[in-house]
Amino acid sequence: MEKLKKMLTKFNKKDLKKYLVFSILFMITIVALGTYRFTEARYETNTRVRVTPTLAFFVVGVESETGQIKLESMIPRTNAYLYKFEVSNFSENKKANVDLRYSIEIITTTNMPLEFKIFKGEDSEIDEVDSDTFTTDENGVHYRHLVINDVSTMSYQSLVTDSYILWVEFPLRFKDSPNYYAGIIDLVDIKINAEQVV
């Protein structure tokens, strides 16, 4: 205790006050900058644009094919997430022997408040969705069904590939709850139903 008193008597009271005020302001500045940089780094990490997967469906007969996209690490933003998928009437070793027409059904879990559109071709601005409904299964799980009823036709006489863009928007109005949605995954099943043209 005596050492502290001796040390304090060496300092002028005015100098001591300046030193304490300066030290406190310096500590507050360090803490504030550390918190800001941590928040800024976290935000930048979560907002990087991800490469979206491409799904390919090879419809060479009367059949149904399903592929899945896992939507995760999504955050509300102004730009939509884009996922490309293609439907072809041939694969490496098979080709359709009859004219086929197909419809598309997209089934999503409703874990996140997402908005969907489907565009045929990369430059199209026309949403192809004809029907957008919600259902609940016996376990109480909610699903959203997006259907394109206006079927596309592919002639067996040529190799045809139709490209689609699944446009997924996580609206900015949910930006105030990023931690709520941080660990949530939404699954998207894309189902192609093909039938023979008669």
C-alpha atoms as a PDB file:
ATOM      1  CA  MET A   1       0.000   0.000   0.000  1.00  0.00           C
ATOM      2  CA  GLU A   2       2.830   2.345   0.863  1.00  0.00           C
ATOM      3  CA  LYS A   3       4.483   1.733  -2.495  1.00  0.00           C
ATOM      4  CA  LEU A   4       1.270   2.779  -4.218  1.00  0.00           C
ATOM      5  CA  LYS A   5       1.073   5.968  -2.157  1.00  0.00           C
ATOM      6  CA  LYS A   6       4.695   6.818  -2.984  1.00  0.00           C
ATOM      7  CA  MET A   7       4.057   6.219  -6.661  1.00  0.00           C
ATOM      8  CA  LEU A   8       0.896   8.362  -6.634  1.00  0.00           C
ATOM      9  CA  THR A   9       2.684  11.224  -4.883  1.00  0.00           C
ATOM     10  CA  LYS A  10       5.265  11.295  -7.676  1.00  0.00           C
ATOM     11  CA  PHE A  11       2.502  12.088 -10.184  1.00  0.00           C
ATOM     12  CA  ASN A  12       0.791  15.394 -10.261  1.00  0.00           C
ATOM     13  CA  LYS A  13      -2.990  15.018  -9.718  1.00  0.00           C
ATOM     14  CA  LYS A  14      -3.632  16.816 -13.003  1.00  0.00           C
ATOM     15  CA  ASP A  15      -1.296  14.466 -14.862  1.00  0.00           C
ATOM     16  CA  LEU A  16      -2.866  11.452 -13.157  1.00  0.00           C
ATOM     17  CA  LYS A  17      -6.366  12.488 -14.301  1.00  0.00           C
ATOM     18  CA  LYS A  18      -5.113  12.972 -17.874  1.00  0.00           C
ATOM     19  CA  TYR A  19      -3.420   9.571 -17.765  1.00  0.00           C
ATOM     20  CA  LEU A  20      -6.556   7.830 -16.459  1.00  0.00           C
ATOM     21  CA  VAL A  21      -8.860   9.537 -18.981  1.00  0.00           C
ATOM     22  CA  PHE A  22      -6.462   8.731 -21.819  1.00  0.00           C
ATOM     23  CA  SER A  23      -6.173   5.082 -20.675  1.00  0.00           C
ATOM     24  CA  ILE A  24      -9.938   4.646 -20.427  1.00  0.00           C
ATOM     25  CA  LEU A  25     -10.535   6.222 -23.853  1.00  0.00           C
ATOM     26  CA  PHE A  26      -7.792   4.067 -25.350  1.00  0.00           C
ATOM     27  CA  MET A  27      -9.361   0.870 -23.921  1.00  0.00           C
ATOM     28  CA  ILE A  28     -12.826   1.844 -25.162  1.00  0.00           C
ATOM     29  CA  THR A  29     -11.402   2.528 -28.637  1.00  0.00           C
ATOM     30  CA  ILE A  30      -9.619  -0.836 -28.726  1.00  0.00           C
ATOM     31  CA  VAL A  31     -12.761  -2.708 -27.650  1.00  0.00           C
ATOM     32  CA  ALA A  32     -14.950  -0.806 -30.139  1.00  0.00           C
ATOM     33  CA  LEU A  33     -12.574  -1.433 -33.061  1.00  0.00           C
ATOM     34  CA  GLY A  34     -12.223  -5.091 -32.126  1.00  0.00           C
ATOM     35  CA  THR A  35     -15.987  -5.521 -32.046  1.00  0.00           C
ATOM     36  CA  TYR A  36     -16.433  -3.658 -35.342  1.00  0.00           C
ATOM     37  CA  ARG A  37     -13.788  -5.702 -37.151  1.00  0.00           C
ATOM     38  CA  PHE A  38     -15.259  -8.965 -35.831  1.00  0.00           C
ATOM     39  CA  THR A  39     -18.734  -7.972 -37.025  1.00  0.00           C
ATOM     40  CA  GLU A  40     -17.458  -6.720 -40.366  1.00  0.00           C
ATOM     41  CA  ALA A  41     -15.451  -9.905 -40.999  1.00  0.00           C
ATOM     42  CA  ARG A  42     -18.421 -12.094 -40.128  1.00  0.00           C
ATOM     43  CA  TYR A  43     -20.653 -10.157 -42.505  1.00  0.00           C
ATOM     44  CA  GLU A  44     -18.154 -10.401 -45.360  1.00  0.00           C
ATOM     45  CA  THR A  45     -17.737 -14.129 -44.830  1.00  0.00           C
ATOM     46  CA  ASN A  46     -21.494 -14.737 -45.050  1.00  0.00           C
ATOM     47  CA  THR A  47     -22.106 -12.583 -48.119  1.00  0.00           C
ATOM     48  CA  ARG A  48     -19.731 -14.169 -50.599  1.00  0.00           C
ATOM     49  CA  VAL A  49     -21.451 -15.378 -53.746  1.00  0.00           C
ATOM     50  CA  ARG A  50     -21.409 -19.152 -53.965  1.00  0.00           C
ATOM     51  CA  VAL A  51     -21.060 -21.144 -57.146  1.00  0.00           C
ATOM     52  CA  THR A  52     -24.446 -22.717 -57.680  1.00  0.00           C
ATOM     53  CA  PRO A  53     -24.789 -26.367 -58.664  1.00  0.00           C
ATOM     54  CA  THR A  54     -25.993 -27.453 -62.072  1.00  0.00           C
ATOM     55  CA  LEU A  55     -28.373 -30.398 -62.260  1.00  0.00           C
ATOM     56  CA  ALA A  56     -28.824 -32.388 -65.438  1.00  0.00           C
ATOM     57  CA  PHE A  57     -31.810 -34.598 -66.185  1.00  0.00           C
ATOM     58  CA  PHE A  58     -31.575 -37.153 -68.984  1.00  0.00           C
ATOM     59  CA  VAL A  59     -35.099 -38.095 -69.994  1.00  0.00           C
ATOM     60  CA  VAL A  60     -34.807 -40.859 -72.607  1.00  0.00           C
ATOM     61  CA  GLY A  61     -38.122 -42.598 -71.979  1.00  0.00           C
ATOM     62  CA  VAL A  62     -41.466 -42.353 -70.246  1.00  0.00           C
ATOM     63  CA  GLU A  63     -40.242 -41.803 -66.693  1.00  0.00           C
ATOM     64  CA  SER A  64     -39.807 -39.429 -63.793  1.00  0.00           C
ATOM     65  CA  GLU A  65     -36.473 -38.162 -62.549  1.00  0.00           C
ATOM     66  CA  THR A  66     -35.771 -36.224 -59.383  1.00  0.00           C
ATOM     67  CA  GLY A  67     -32.740 -34.188 -58.364  1.00  0.00           C
ATOM     68  CA  GLN A  68     -32.133 -32.208 -55.199  1.00  0.00           C
ATOM     69  CA  ILE A  69     -30.554 -28.888 -54.325  1.00  0.00           C
ATOM     70  CA  LYS A  70     -29.674 -28.098 -50.714  1.00  0.00           C
ATOM     71  CA  LEU A  71     -30.093 -24.397 -49.952  1.00  0.00           C
ATOM     72  CA  GLU A  72     -27.849 -23.533 -47.020  1.00  0.00           C
ATOM     73  CA  SER A  73     -25.787 -20.629 -45.702  1.00  0.00           C
ATOM     74  CA  MET A  74     -28.242 -18.244 -47.304  1.00  0.00           C
ATOM     75  CA  ILE A  75     -28.649 -14.692 -46.075  1.00  0.00           C
ATOM     76  CA  PRO A  76     -31.122 -11.996 -47.043  1.00  0.00           C
ATOM     77  CA  ARG A  77     -29.697  -9.924 -49.900  1.00  0.00           C
ATOM     78  CA  THR A  78     -30.718  -7.866 -52.901  1.00  0.00           C
ATOM     79  CA  ASN A  79     -29.430 -10.344 -55.504  1.00  0.00           C
ATOM     80  CA  ALA A  80     -31.220 -13.645 -55.990  1.00  0.00           C
ATOM     81  CA  TYR A  81     -29.466 -16.990 -55.753  1.00  0.00           C
ATOM     82  CA  LEU A  82     -29.480 -18.698 -59.173  1.00  0.00           C
ATOM     83  CA  TYR A  83     -29.440 -22.451 -59.760  1.00  0.00           C
ATOM     84  CA  LYS A  84     -29.269 -23.872 -63.274  1.00  0.00           C
ATOM     85  CA  PHE A  85     -30.718 -27.196 -64.330  1.00  0.00           C
ATOM     86  CA  GLU A  86     -31.078 -28.828 -67.741  1.00  0.00           C
ATOM     87  CA  VAL A  87     -33.412 -31.375 -69.277  1.00  0.00           C
ATOM     88  CA  SER A  88     -32.128 -33.435 -72.220  1.00  0.00           C
ATOM     89  CA  ASN A  89     -33.624 -36.218 -74.340  1.00  0.00           C
ATOM     90  CA  PHE A  90     -30.259 -37.977 -74.522  1.00  0.00           C
ATOM     91  CA  SER A  91     -27.370 -39.064 -72.330  1.00  0.00           C
ATOM     92  CA  GLU A  92     -23.892 -40.334 -73.165  1.00  0.00           C
ATOM     93  CA  ASN A  93     -25.107 -43.742 -74.290  1.00  0.00           C
ATOM     94  CA  LYS A  94     -28.894 -43.368 -74.749  1.00  0.00           C
ATOM     95  CA  LYS A  95     -31.298 -41.302 -76.788  1.00  0.00           C
ATOM     96  CA  ALA A  96     -35.079 -41.019 -76.713  1.00  0.00           C
ATOM     97  CA  ASN A  97     -36.750 -43.218 -79.359  1.00  0.00           C
ATOM     98  CA  VAL A  98     -40.085 -41.370 -79.236  1.00  0.00           C
ATOM     99  CA  ASP A  99     -41.206 -37.760 -78.995  1.00  0.00           C
ATOM    100  CA  LEU A 100     -41.481 -36.787 -75.341  1.00  0.00           C
ATOM    101  CA  ARG A 101     -43.144 -34.003 -73.480  1.00  0.00           C
ATOM    102  CA  TYR A 102     -42.359 -33.209 -69.885  1.00  0.00           C
ATOM    103  CA  SER A 103     -43.542 -31.113 -67.010  1.00  0.00           C
ATOM    104  CA  ILE A 104     -41.569 -29.804 -64.049  1.00  0.00           C
ATOM    105  CA  GLU A 105     -42.536 -29.916 -60.392  1.00  0.00           C
ATOM    106  CA  ILE A 106     -40.443 -28.283 -57.693  1.00  0.00           C
ATOM    107  CA  ILE A 107     -41.097 -29.266 -54.097  1.00  0.00           C
ATOM    108  CA  THR A 108     -39.475 -27.296 -51.284  1.00  0.00           C
ATOM    109  CA  THR A 109     -39.490 -27.488 -47.541  1.00  0.00           C
ATOM    110  CA  THR A 110     -40.710 -24.219 -46.111  1.00  0.00           C
ATOM    111  CA  ASN A 111     -37.966 -23.743 -43.538  1.00  0.00           C
ATOM    112  CA  MET A 112     -37.003 -20.296 -44.822  1.00  0.00           C
ATOM    113  CA  PRO A 113     -39.150 -17.466 -46.200  1.00  0.00           C
ATOM    114  CA  LEU A 114     -37.886 -17.790 -49.764  1.00  0.00           C
ATOM    115  CA  GLU A 115     -39.419 -16.640 -53.028  1.00  0.00           C
ATOM    116  CA  PHE A 116     -39.049 -18.765 -56.165  1.00  0.00           C
ATOM    117  CA  LYS A 117     -39.299 -18.278 -59.924  1.00  0.00           C
ATOM    118  CA  ILE A 118     -38.366 -20.553 -62.814  1.00  0.00           C
ATOM    119  CA  PHE A 119     -37.055 -19.148 -66.086  1.00  0.00           C
ATOM    120  CA  LYS A 120     -36.618 -21.163 -69.271  1.00  0.00           C
ATOM    121  CA  GLY A 121     -33.295 -20.161 -70.756  1.00  0.00           C
ATOM    122  CA  GLU A 122     -30.707 -17.929 -69.171  1.00  0.00           C
ATOM    123  CA  ASP A 123     -31.967 -14.702 -70.743  1.00  0.00           C
ATOM    124  CA  SER A 124     -35.679 -15.165 -70.131  1.00  0.00           C
ATOM    125  CA  GLU A 125     -37.594 -12.781 -67.885  1.00  0.00           C
ATOM    126  CA  ILE A 126     -40.851 -14.767 -67.946  1.00  0.00           C
ATOM    127  CA  ASP A 127     -41.628 -16.776 -64.817  1.00  0.00           C
ATOM    128  CA  GLU A 128     -42.793 -20.182 -66.071  1.00  0.00           C
ATOM    129  CA  VAL A 129     -44.539 -21.249 -62.834  1.00  0.00           C
ATOM    130  CA  ASP A 130     -48.214 -22.038 -63.454  1.00  0.00           C
ATOM    131  CA  SER A 131     -49.133 -23.252 -59.981  1.00  0.00           C
ATOM    132  CA  ASP A 132     -47.756 -22.380 -56.524  1.00  0.00           C
ATOM    133  CA  THR A 133     -49.438 -24.281 -53.652  1.00  0.00           C
ATOM    134  CA  PHE A 134     -48.693 -25.432 -50.108  1.00  0.00           C
ATOM    135  CA  THR A 135     -49.402 -28.839 -48.570  1.00  0.00           C
ATOM    136  CA  THR A 136     -48.889 -30.475 -45.171  1.00  0.00           C
ATOM    137  CA  ASP A 137     -48.040 -34.146 -44.704  1.00  0.00           C
ATOM    138  CA  GLU A 138     -49.228 -36.499 -41.952  1.00  0.00           C
ATOM    139  CA  ASN A 139     -46.299 -35.443 -39.731  1.00  0.00           C
ATOM    140  CA  GLY A 140     -47.188 -31.752 -39.947  1.00  0.00           C
ATOM    141  CA  VAL A 141     -44.323 -30.898 -42.315  1.00  0.00           C
ATOM    142  CA  HIS A 142     -45.167 -28.105 -44.764  1.00  0.00           C
ATOM    143  CA  TYR A 143     -44.164 -28.231 -48.419  1.00  0.00           C
ATOM    144  CA  ARG A 144     -44.410 -25.797 -51.271  1.00  0.00           C
ATOM    145  CA  HIS A 145     -45.196 -27.083 -54.789  1.00  0.00           C
ATOM    146  CA  LEU A 146     -44.250 -25.076 -57.864  1.00  0.00           C
ATOM    147  CA  VAL A 147     -45.468 -26.638 -61.102  1.00  0.00           C
ATOM    148  CA  ILE A 148     -44.921 -25.809 -64.754  1.00  0.00           C
ATOM    149  CA  ASN A 149     -47.975 -27.293 -66.459  1.00  0.00           C
ATOM    150  CA  ASP A 150     -47.155 -25.887 -69.876  1.00  0.00           C
ATOM    151  CA  VAL A 151     -45.190 -28.939 -70.907  1.00  0.00           C
ATOM    152  CA  SER A 152     -42.230 -28.795 -73.251  1.00  0.00           C
ATOM    153  CA  THR A 153     -41.929 -31.190 -76.168  1.00  0.00           C
ATOM    154  CA  MET A 154     -38.709 -32.786 -77.435  1.00  0.00           C
ATOM    155  CA  SER A 155     -38.507 -34.541 -80.775  1.00  0.00           C
ATOM    156  CA  TYR A 156     -36.664 -37.847 -80.859  1.00  0.00           C
ATOM    157  CA  GLN A 157     -35.231 -36.844 -84.261  1.00  0.00           C
ATOM    158  CA  SER A 158     -32.855 -34.316 -82.700  1.00  0.00           C
ATOM    159  CA  LEU A 159     -30.761 -33.985 -79.571  1.00  0.00           C
ATOM    160  CA  VAL A 160     -32.536 -31.418 -77.391  1.00  0.00           C
ATOM    161  CA  THR A 161     -31.407 -29.759 -74.149  1.00  0.00           C
ATOM    162  CA  ASP A 162     -33.623 -27.213 -72.402  1.00  0.00           C
ATOM    163  CA  SER A 163     -31.998 -24.995 -69.776  1.00  0.00           C
ATOM    164  CA  TYR A 164     -33.807 -23.552 -66.761  1.00  0.00           C
ATOM    165  CA  ILE A 165     -32.857 -21.131 -64.033  1.00  0.00           C
ATOM    166  CA  LEU A 166     -34.299 -21.609 -60.554  1.00  0.00           C
ATOM    167  CA  TRP A 167     -34.371 -18.087 -59.105  1.00  0.00           C
ATOM    168  CA  VAL A 168     -34.374 -18.068 -55.294  1.00  0.00           C
ATOM    169  CA  GLU A 169     -34.714 -14.837 -53.363  1.00  0.00           C
ATOM    170  CA  PHE A 170     -34.186 -14.390 -49.640  1.00  0.00           C
ATOM    171  CA  PRO A 171     -35.884 -10.976 -49.217  1.00  0.00           C
ATOM    172  CA  LEU A 172     -34.036  -8.169 -47.456  1.00  0.00           C
ATOM    173  CA  ARG A 173     -36.962  -7.623 -45.095  1.00  0.00           C
ATOM    174  CA  PHE A 174     -35.578 -10.571 -43.070  1.00  0.00           C
ATOM    175  CA  LYS A 175     -32.096  -9.072 -42.678  1.00  0.00           C
ATOM    176  CA  ASP A 176     -32.727  -8.179 -39.025  1.00  0.00           C
ATOM    177  CA  SER A 177     -32.872 -11.889 -38.067  1.00  0.00           C
ATOM    178  CA  PRO A 178     -29.722 -13.388 -39.674  1.00  0.00           C
ATOM    179  CA  ASN A 179     -28.868 -15.575 -36.685  1.00  0.00           C
ATOM    180  CA  TYR A 180     -32.345 -17.122 -36.683  1.00  0.00           C
ATOM    181  CA  TYR A 181     -31.852 -18.439 -40.232  1.00  0.00           C
ATOM    182  CA  ALA A 182     -28.082 -19.100 -39.989  1.00  0.00           C
ATOM    183  CA  GLY A 183     -28.229 -22.874 -39.486  1.00  0.00           C
ATOM    184  CA  ILE A 184     -31.419 -23.600 -41.389  1.00  0.00           C
ATOM    185  CA  ILE A 185     -31.403 -25.655 -44.590  1.00  0.00           C
ATOM    186  CA  ASP A 186     -34.144 -25.655 -47.201  1.00  0.00           C
ATOM    187  CA  LEU A 187     -34.321 -28.628 -49.572  1.00  0.00           C
ATOM    188  CA  VAL A 188     -35.504 -28.292 -53.152  1.00  0.00           C
ATOM    189  CA  ASP A 189     -36.556 -31.379 -55.119  1.00  0.00           C
ATOM    190  CA  ILE A 190     -36.830 -30.891 -58.875  1.00  0.00           C
ATOM    191  CA  LYS A 191     -38.967 -33.555 -60.517  1.00  0.00           C
ATOM    192  CA  ILE A 192     -39.203 -34.063 -64.272  1.00  0.00           C
ATOM    193  CA  ASN A 193     -42.235 -36.052 -65.427  1.00  0.00           C
ATOM    194  CA  ALA A 194     -41.920 -37.302 -69.007  1.00  0.00           C
ATOM    195  CA  GLU A 195     -44.599 -38.917 -71.169  1.00  0.00           C
ATOM    196  CA  GLN A 196     -44.790 -40.010 -74.780  1.00  0.00           C
ATOM    197  CA  VAL A 197     -46.391 -37.678 -77.296  1.00  0.00           C
ATOM    198  CA  VAL A 198     -49.257 -39.556 -78.938  1.00  0.00           C
END
